[in-house]
C-alpha cells in the first residue's frame, strides 16, 4: 500500500506535536507544512504586553523583538530537534514564529526549479525586471508564483484535496 502525501504530512505533524516542548505550544499547536524537500514548523508565541493606544509601529517593533528573543533563546533546542527530524524524515527543517499578527520564517531553503518558457512568458518576466519589480528572471518567476499563490489559495486547496483523493483511490486499487 502506498502512503499518500497527506498521510506523510499528518505523521510528521504528529511527530512534531509530540516532540516540541510544551511551553512552545501553549498558545496553539504548531503549523507544519511539508513538501518533498522541506518541513516548515511555525509556532504561535505570546504577544508582547503593550499599553492600550500603542501605535502600530511600536506594536510591530515589539513583535519583532519578541520574535528575535524567541529565535535566540531557542536556537540550540530547535537545531537539536531539527537534526532529529531531518534524520527521521529525510527533509530539511525550517522554523517560523507568529505573534500579534506578525510572522517571521527562520533558515528556510530555496530550491531551484528549472522550466522552459516560450517568448511570451519570458517577456512577462523581462517586463518585471525592466519595471524594477525583480532583479532577474528567477526573481521575477518567484514573484509570479507568490502572486498566484496569494490569489489562488482556494483553488490550490481544492486541487490538493483532489490529489489526496487520487492517491487514496490508487492505494485502494490492486498492487502492481
Protein backbone atom coordinates (compact mmCIF):
# COMPACT_ATOMS: atom_id res chain seq x y z
CA UNK A 1 0.00 0.00 0.00
CA UNK A 2 1.27 3.47 -0.94
CA UNK A 3 1.48 6.17 1.70
CA UNK A 4 -0.14 9.41 0.49
CA UNK A 5 1.47 12.82 0.91
CA UNK A 6 -1.34 13.83 3.29
CA UNK A 7 -0.59 10.74 5.45
CA UNK A 8 3.11 11.65 5.49
CA UNK A 9 2.28 15.26 6.41
CA UNK A 10 -0.04 14.05 9.19
CA UNK A 11 2.64 11.71 10.53
CA UNK A 12 5.27 14.47 10.50
CA UNK A 13 2.84 16.92 12.16
CA UNK A 14 2.07 14.34 14.84
CA UNK A 15 5.78 13.74 15.49
CA UNK A 16 6.41 17.48 15.95
CA UNK A 17 3.35 17.82 18.20
CA UNK A 18 4.78 15.11 20.41
CA UNK A 19 8.41 16.26 20.23
CA UNK A 20 8.14 20.01 20.79
CA UNK A 21 8.46 21.35 24.34
CA UNK A 22 5.07 22.06 25.91
CA UNK A 23 5.93 25.73 26.51
CA UNK A 24 6.36 26.21 22.74
CA UNK A 25 2.81 25.02 22.06
CA UNK A 26 0.83 26.57 24.91
CA UNK A 27 -0.53 29.26 22.53
CA UNK A 28 -1.65 26.69 19.95
CA UNK A 29 -0.42 23.67 18.06
CA UNK A 30 2.39 24.11 15.55
CA UNK A 31 1.54 24.61 11.89
CA UNK A 32 3.57 22.04 9.96
CA UNK A 33 3.88 22.33 6.17
CA UNK A 34 5.64 19.53 4.30
CA UNK A 35 6.91 19.22 0.75
CA UNK A 36 9.49 16.94 -0.88
CA UNK A 37 12.48 18.96 0.36
CA UNK A 38 11.46 20.79 3.50
CA UNK A 39 9.38 20.75 6.67
CA UNK A 40 8.36 24.19 7.92
CA UNK A 41 7.24 24.37 11.56
CA UNK A 42 5.53 27.62 12.57
CA UNK A 43 4.82 28.31 16.23
CA UNK A 44 2.45 30.82 17.80
CA UNK A 45 4.11 32.68 20.69
CA UNK A 46 2.73 35.10 23.23
CA UNK A 47 2.16 38.64 22.07
CA UNK A 48 4.10 41.32 23.92
CA UNK A 49 2.18 43.09 26.70
CA UNK A 50 1.61 46.63 25.48
CA UNK A 51 -0.37 49.56 26.80
CA UNK A 52 -3.67 50.50 25.18
CA UNK A 53 -3.17 53.01 22.40
CA UNK A 54 0.25 51.66 21.39
CA UNK A 55 0.95 52.67 17.79
CA UNK A 56 1.10 50.10 15.00
CA UNK A 57 4.78 50.88 14.51
CA UNK A 58 5.51 50.26 18.18
CA UNK A 59 3.46 47.02 18.05
CA UNK A 60 5.48 45.84 15.05
CA UNK A 61 8.75 46.65 16.84
CA UNK A 62 7.60 44.82 19.98
CA UNK A 63 6.61 41.78 17.90
CA UNK A 64 9.98 41.87 16.11
CA UNK A 65 11.71 41.95 19.49
CA UNK A 66 9.64 39.06 20.83
CA UNK A 67 10.36 37.00 17.69
CA UNK A 68 14.11 37.78 17.84
CA UNK A 69 14.19 36.80 21.51
CA UNK A 70 12.41 33.51 20.85
CA UNK A 71 14.73 32.75 17.95
CA UNK A 72 17.85 33.43 20.01
CA UNK A 73 16.64 31.74 23.23
CA UNK A 74 15.54 28.52 21.48
CA UNK A 75 18.27 28.19 18.82
CA UNK A 76 20.14 25.21 20.31
CA UNK A 77 16.99 23.28 21.13
CA UNK A 78 15.45 23.98 17.69
CA UNK A 79 18.65 22.83 15.99
CA UNK A 80 18.64 19.59 18.00
CA UNK A 81 15.00 18.86 17.15
CA UNK A 82 15.64 19.75 13.50
CA UNK A 83 18.58 17.30 13.33
CA UNK A 84 16.35 14.52 14.70
CA UNK A 85 13.58 15.32 12.22
CA UNK A 86 15.97 15.64 9.26
CA UNK A 87 17.38 12.20 10.04
CA UNK A 88 13.94 10.68 10.57
CA UNK A 89 12.09 12.26 7.61
CA UNK A 90 14.96 12.99 5.18
CA UNK A 91 13.93 16.63 4.72
CA UNK A 92 15.39 19.93 5.91
CA UNK A 93 13.55 21.71 8.72
CA UNK A 94 12.72 25.42 8.78
CA UNK A 95 11.22 27.27 11.73
CA UNK A 96 8.82 30.16 11.86
CA UNK A 97 7.05 32.18 14.53
CA UNK A 98 3.83 34.20 14.63
CA UNK A 99 2.85 36.74 17.24
CA UNK A 100 0.36 39.59 17.34
CA UNK A 101 -0.30 39.39 13.58
CA UNK A 102 3.39 39.38 12.65
CA UNK A 103 5.39 36.41 11.36
CA UNK A 104 8.99 35.51 10.64
CA UNK A 105 10.50 32.45 9.00
CA UNK A 106 13.98 31.28 10.05
CA UNK A 107 16.55 29.45 7.94
CA UNK A 108 14.31 28.20 5.15
CA UNK A 109 15.79 26.80 1.96
CA UNK A 110 15.47 27.99 -1.62
CA UNK A 111 15.18 25.13 -4.10
CA UNK A 112 15.97 25.65 -7.79
CA UNK A 113 13.15 24.96 -10.23
CA UNK A 114 14.01 24.53 -13.89
CA UNK A 115 11.50 25.39 -16.58
CA UNK A 116 11.34 26.14 -20.28
CA UNK A 117 9.49 29.28 -21.24
CA UNK A 118 8.32 30.46 -24.61
CA UNK A 119 8.85 34.06 -25.68
CA UNK A 120 5.53 35.47 -24.34
CA UNK A 121 6.29 34.07 -20.85
CA UNK A 122 9.88 35.37 -21.00
CA UNK A 123 8.56 38.79 -21.97
CA UNK A 124 6.41 38.84 -18.83
CA UNK A 125 9.48 38.16 -16.70
CA UNK A 126 11.58 40.70 -18.59
CA UNK A 127 8.88 43.35 -18.10
CA UNK A 128 9.01 42.75 -14.33
CA UNK A 129 12.78 43.18 -14.47
CA UNK A 130 12.54 46.38 -16.55
CA UNK A 131 9.97 47.78 -14.09
CA UNK A 132 12.28 47.13 -11.15
CA UNK A 133 9.95 44.56 -9.58
CA UNK A 134 12.61 41.84 -9.89
CA UNK A 135 16.38 41.73 -10.40
CA UNK A 136 16.46 38.61 -12.56
CA UNK A 137 14.20 36.15 -14.34
CA UNK A 138 14.49 33.83 -11.35
CA UNK A 139 13.31 36.61 -9.01
CA UNK A 140 10.52 37.53 -11.45
CA UNK A 141 9.36 33.92 -11.63
CA UNK A 142 9.36 33.65 -7.82
CA UNK A 143 7.34 36.90 -7.65
CA UNK A 144 4.78 35.46 -10.11
CA UNK A 145 4.46 32.24 -8.10
CA UNK A 146 3.87 34.24 -4.89
CA UNK A 147 1.25 36.38 -6.62
CA UNK A 148 -0.61 33.34 -7.94
CA UNK A 149 -0.39 31.72 -4.50
CA UNK A 150 -1.95 34.77 -2.85
CA UNK A 151 -4.84 34.90 -5.27
CA UNK A 152 -5.45 31.22 -5.78
CA UNK A 153 -5.46 29.77 -2.25
CA UNK A 154 -8.98 28.34 -2.53
CA UNK A 155 -8.34 26.82 -5.95
CA UNK A 156 -4.99 25.34 -4.85
CA UNK A 157 -6.59 23.89 -1.69
CA UNK A 158 -9.28 22.24 -3.81
CA UNK A 159 -6.63 20.87 -6.18
CA UNK A 160 -4.59 19.45 -3.28
CA UNK A 161 -7.72 17.80 -1.90
CA UNK A 162 -8.42 16.22 -5.29
CA UNK A 163 -4.83 14.91 -5.43
CA UNK A 164 -5.28 13.34 -1.98
CA UNK A 165 -8.41 11.60 -3.30
CA UNK A 166 -6.48 10.28 -6.31
CA UNK A 167 -3.75 8.92 -4.04
CA UNK A 168 -6.35 7.28 -1.79
CA UNK A 169 -8.10 5.65 -4.75
CA UNK A 170 -4.77 4.41 -6.17
CA UNK A 171 -3.90 2.90 -2.80
CA UNK A 172 -7.24 1.04 -2.72
CA UNK A 173 -6.55 -0.49 -6.15
CA UNK A 174 -4.61 -3.66 -6.87
CA UNK A 175 -0.86 -3.67 -6.28
CA UNK A 176 1.24 -3.65 -9.45
